[in-house]
Amino acid sequence: MGALSVKGPGELEYREGNSPERSQGQVAVRVNACGICGTDLGLYRRGETEYPYFGHEFFCIVKGIGCDIKDLQVRGGS
């Protein structure tokens, strides 16, 4: 799993990490695309790191669900 985070003004950093374990009420997804909005650009330009991850408004594929999730289905594919 990777994440793009704000490192400083005008500077982003890509970090690899382990996928967190799913627990009750949680869903694992594979992100296919992510939107960048004006709020994200402002954080990037100012180098604000209190909200460290860059981007939101994700397009995802459900890859795993917690045992109590009943209204989603896991999708295959790469």
N, C-alpha and C. Protein backbone atom coordinates (compact mmCIF):
# COMPACT_ATOMS: atom_id res chain seq x y z
N MET A 1 0.85 -1.16 0.00
CA MET A 1 0.00 0.00 0.00
C MET A 1 0.90 1.23 0.00
N GLY A 2 0.55 2.22 -0.77
CA GLY A 2 1.32 3.45 -0.82
C GLY A 2 0.46 4.65 -0.48
N ALA A 3 1.10 5.73 -0.12
CA ALA A 3 0.40 6.97 0.19
C ALA A 3 1.25 8.15 -0.25
N LEU A 4 0.59 9.16 -0.76
CA LEU A 4 1.24 10.41 -1.14
C LEU A 4 0.97 11.40 -0.02
N SER A 5 2.02 11.96 0.55
CA SER A 5 1.84 12.89 1.67
C SER A 5 2.59 14.19 1.41
N VAL A 6 2.12 15.25 2.08
CA VAL A 6 2.77 16.56 1.99
C VAL A 6 3.98 16.55 2.90
N LYS A 7 5.15 16.81 2.33
CA LYS A 7 6.40 16.82 3.11
C LYS A 7 6.79 18.24 3.51
N GLY A 8 6.47 19.22 2.67
CA GLY A 8 6.79 20.61 2.92
C GLY A 8 6.16 21.45 1.83
N PRO A 9 6.33 22.78 1.86
CA PRO A 9 5.72 23.63 0.83
C PRO A 9 6.15 23.20 -0.58
N GLY A 10 5.17 22.82 -1.41
CA GLY A 10 5.45 22.41 -2.78
C GLY A 10 6.18 21.09 -2.90
N GLU A 11 6.17 20.27 -1.85
CA GLU A 11 6.93 19.03 -1.86
C GLU A 11 6.06 17.86 -1.37
N LEU A 12 5.94 16.84 -2.22
CA LEU A 12 5.19 15.64 -1.87
C LEU A 12 6.15 14.47 -1.71
N GLU A 13 5.72 13.48 -0.95
CA GLU A 13 6.54 12.28 -0.75
C GLU A 13 5.64 11.05 -0.88
N TYR A 14 6.09 10.07 -1.67
CA TYR A 14 5.38 8.81 -1.80
C TYR A 14 5.99 7.83 -0.81
N ARG A 15 5.14 7.19 -0.01
CA ARG A 15 5.62 6.23 0.98
C ARG A 15 4.92 4.89 0.79
N GLU A 16 5.70 3.83 0.84
CA GLU A 16 5.16 2.48 0.82
C GLU A 16 4.93 2.04 2.25
N GLY A 17 3.93 1.20 2.44
CA GLY A 17 3.65 0.68 3.77
C GLY A 17 2.85 -0.61 3.65
N ASN A 18 2.62 -1.23 4.78
CA ASN A 18 1.82 -2.44 4.81
C ASN A 18 0.35 -2.10 4.85
N SER A 19 -0.46 -2.95 4.24
CA SER A 19 -1.91 -2.77 4.29
C SER A 19 -2.38 -3.05 5.71
N PRO A 20 -3.22 -2.19 6.26
CA PRO A 20 -3.71 -2.43 7.62
C PRO A 20 -4.66 -3.63 7.64
N GLU A 21 -4.75 -4.28 8.77
CA GLU A 21 -5.69 -5.39 8.94
C GLU A 21 -7.12 -4.86 8.98
N ARG A 22 -8.02 -5.57 8.35
CA ARG A 22 -9.44 -5.22 8.39
C ARG A 22 -10.05 -5.75 9.68
N SER A 23 -10.97 -4.99 10.23
CA SER A 23 -11.73 -5.48 11.37
C SER A 23 -13.20 -5.19 11.12
N GLN A 24 -14.00 -5.50 12.07
CA GLN A 24 -15.45 -5.34 11.94
C GLN A 24 -15.80 -3.92 11.50
N GLY A 25 -16.68 -3.83 10.50
CA GLY A 25 -17.13 -2.53 10.01
C GLY A 25 -16.20 -1.86 9.01
N GLN A 26 -15.12 -2.55 8.60
CA GLN A 26 -14.15 -1.94 7.69
C GLN A 26 -14.14 -2.64 6.34
N VAL A 27 -13.67 -1.90 5.32
CA VAL A 27 -13.60 -2.38 3.96
C VAL A 27 -12.20 -2.10 3.42
N ALA A 28 -11.60 -3.08 2.74
CA ALA A 28 -10.31 -2.89 2.07
C ALA A 28 -10.59 -2.57 0.60
N VAL A 29 -9.93 -1.56 0.06
CA VAL A 29 -10.14 -1.16 -1.32
C VAL A 29 -8.81 -0.99 -2.04
N ARG A 30 -8.85 -1.13 -3.36
CA ARG A 30 -7.71 -0.79 -4.22
C ARG A 30 -8.08 0.50 -4.92
N VAL A 31 -7.30 1.54 -4.73
CA VAL A 31 -7.57 2.85 -5.33
C VAL A 31 -7.13 2.83 -6.79
N ASN A 32 -8.05 3.16 -7.69
CA ASN A 32 -7.73 3.25 -9.12
C ASN A 32 -7.44 4.68 -9.54
N ALA A 33 -8.06 5.64 -8.89
CA ALA A 33 -7.88 7.06 -9.22
C ALA A 33 -8.23 7.89 -7.99
N CYS A 34 -7.70 9.10 -7.94
CA CYS A 34 -7.95 9.98 -6.80
C CYS A 34 -8.04 11.42 -7.29
N GLY A 35 -9.06 12.14 -6.84
CA GLY A 35 -9.22 13.53 -7.22
C GLY A 35 -8.38 14.45 -6.33
N ILE A 36 -7.92 15.53 -6.90
CA ILE A 36 -7.17 16.57 -6.18
C ILE A 36 -8.02 17.84 -6.28
N CYS A 37 -8.34 18.45 -5.15
CA CYS A 37 -9.18 19.64 -5.17
C CYS A 37 -8.40 20.86 -4.69
N GLY A 38 -9.07 21.99 -4.62
CA GLY A 38 -8.45 23.24 -4.19
C GLY A 38 -7.91 23.17 -2.77
N THR A 39 -8.60 22.45 -1.89
CA THR A 39 -8.10 22.29 -0.51
C THR A 39 -6.77 21.56 -0.52
N ASP A 40 -6.68 20.47 -1.30
CA ASP A 40 -5.42 19.72 -1.40
C ASP A 40 -4.30 20.61 -1.93
N LEU A 41 -4.59 21.39 -2.96
CA LEU A 41 -3.57 22.27 -3.53
C LEU A 41 -3.09 23.31 -2.53
N GLY A 42 -4.02 23.85 -1.73
CA GLY A 42 -3.63 24.81 -0.70
C GLY A 42 -2.71 24.19 0.34
N LEU A 43 -3.04 22.97 0.79
CA LEU A 43 -2.18 22.27 1.75
C LEU A 43 -0.80 22.03 1.15
N TYR A 44 -0.77 21.62 -0.10
CA TYR A 44 0.50 21.37 -0.81
C TYR A 44 1.33 22.64 -0.92
N ARG A 45 0.71 23.72 -1.33
CA ARG A 45 1.45 24.98 -1.52
C ARG A 45 1.96 25.55 -0.21
N ARG A 46 1.17 25.40 0.86
CA ARG A 46 1.59 25.92 2.17
C ARG A 46 2.46 24.94 2.95
N GLY A 47 2.50 23.68 2.50
CA GLY A 47 3.29 22.68 3.20
C GLY A 47 2.68 22.23 4.51
N GLU A 48 1.36 22.31 4.62
CA GLU A 48 0.69 21.92 5.86
C GLU A 48 0.66 20.40 5.96
N THR A 49 1.13 19.90 7.08
CA THR A 49 1.24 18.45 7.25
C THR A 49 0.31 17.92 8.35
N GLU A 50 -0.54 18.76 8.92
CA GLU A 50 -1.44 18.26 9.96
C GLU A 50 -2.47 17.28 9.37
N TYR A 51 -2.85 17.45 8.11
CA TYR A 51 -3.62 16.46 7.38
C TYR A 51 -2.67 15.93 6.33
N PRO A 52 -1.93 14.87 6.66
CA PRO A 52 -0.74 14.52 5.87
C PRO A 52 -0.98 13.89 4.51
N TYR A 53 -2.17 13.37 4.23
CA TYR A 53 -2.34 12.65 2.97
C TYR A 53 -2.96 13.53 1.90
N PHE A 54 -2.43 13.42 0.73
CA PHE A 54 -2.78 14.28 -0.40
C PHE A 54 -3.82 13.58 -1.26
N GLY A 55 -4.92 14.24 -1.51
CA GLY A 55 -5.95 13.69 -2.39
C GLY A 55 -7.09 13.05 -1.63
N HIS A 56 -8.26 13.11 -2.25
CA HIS A 56 -9.45 12.43 -1.74
C HIS A 56 -10.39 12.25 -2.93
N GLU A 57 -11.63 11.91 -2.70
CA GLU A 57 -12.57 11.63 -3.80
C GLU A 57 -12.04 10.46 -4.65
N PHE A 58 -11.95 9.31 -4.02
CA PHE A 58 -11.34 8.14 -4.63
C PHE A 58 -12.31 7.33 -5.48
N PHE A 59 -11.77 6.71 -6.53
CA PHE A 59 -12.46 5.68 -7.30
C PHE A 59 -11.77 4.37 -6.93
N CYS A 60 -12.49 3.45 -6.30
CA CYS A 60 -11.88 2.25 -5.74
C CYS A 60 -12.64 0.99 -6.15
N ILE A 61 -11.95 -0.13 -6.02
CA ILE A 61 -12.53 -1.45 -6.17
C ILE A 61 -12.48 -2.12 -4.80
N VAL A 62 -13.59 -2.69 -4.35
CA VAL A 62 -13.65 -3.38 -3.07
C VAL A 62 -12.86 -4.69 -3.17
N LYS A 63 -11.86 -4.85 -2.32
CA LYS A 63 -11.00 -6.05 -2.34
C LYS A 63 -11.22 -6.96 -1.13
N GLY A 64 -11.82 -6.45 -0.07
CA GLY A 64 -12.08 -7.25 1.12
C GLY A 64 -13.06 -6.53 2.02
N ILE A 65 -13.88 -7.28 2.73
CA ILE A 65 -14.87 -6.67 3.61
C ILE A 65 -14.84 -7.35 4.98
N GLY A 66 -15.18 -6.58 6.00
CA GLY A 66 -15.31 -7.14 7.34
C GLY A 66 -16.50 -8.10 7.39
N CYS A 67 -16.50 -9.01 8.35
CA CYS A 67 -17.52 -10.05 8.41
C CYS A 67 -18.93 -9.51 8.60
N ASP A 68 -19.08 -8.29 9.08
CA ASP A 68 -20.41 -7.74 9.34
C ASP A 68 -20.94 -6.88 8.20
N ILE A 69 -20.20 -6.72 7.12
CA ILE A 69 -20.62 -5.89 5.99
C ILE A 69 -21.52 -6.73 5.09
N LYS A 70 -22.74 -6.28 4.86
CA LYS A 70 -23.70 -7.07 4.08
C LYS A 70 -24.09 -6.43 2.75
N ASP A 71 -23.80 -5.14 2.55
CA ASP A 71 -24.30 -4.45 1.36
C ASP A 71 -23.22 -4.14 0.33
N LEU A 72 -22.03 -4.76 0.43
CA LEU A 72 -20.96 -4.60 -0.56
C LEU A 72 -20.49 -5.98 -0.99
N GLN A 73 -19.90 -6.05 -2.17
CA GLN A 73 -19.33 -7.30 -2.67
C GLN A 73 -17.86 -7.08 -3.07
N VAL A 74 -17.06 -8.08 -2.83
CA VAL A 74 -15.66 -8.06 -3.25
C VAL A 74 -15.64 -8.25 -4.76
N ARG A 75 -14.80 -7.44 -5.45
CA ARG A 75 -14.65 -7.53 -6.91
C ARG A 75 -13.28 -8.07 -7.24
N GLY A 76 -13.20 -8.88 -8.28
CA GLY A 76 -11.92 -9.44 -8.73
C GLY A 76 -11.20 -8.47 -9.63
N GLY A 77 -10.22 -8.97 -10.33
CA GLY A 77 -9.44 -8.15 -11.26
C GLY A 77 -8.19 -7.63 -10.62
N SER A 78 -7.34 -7.06 -11.48
CA SER A 78 -6.07 -6.54 -10.98
C SER A 78 -6.09 -5.05 -10.86
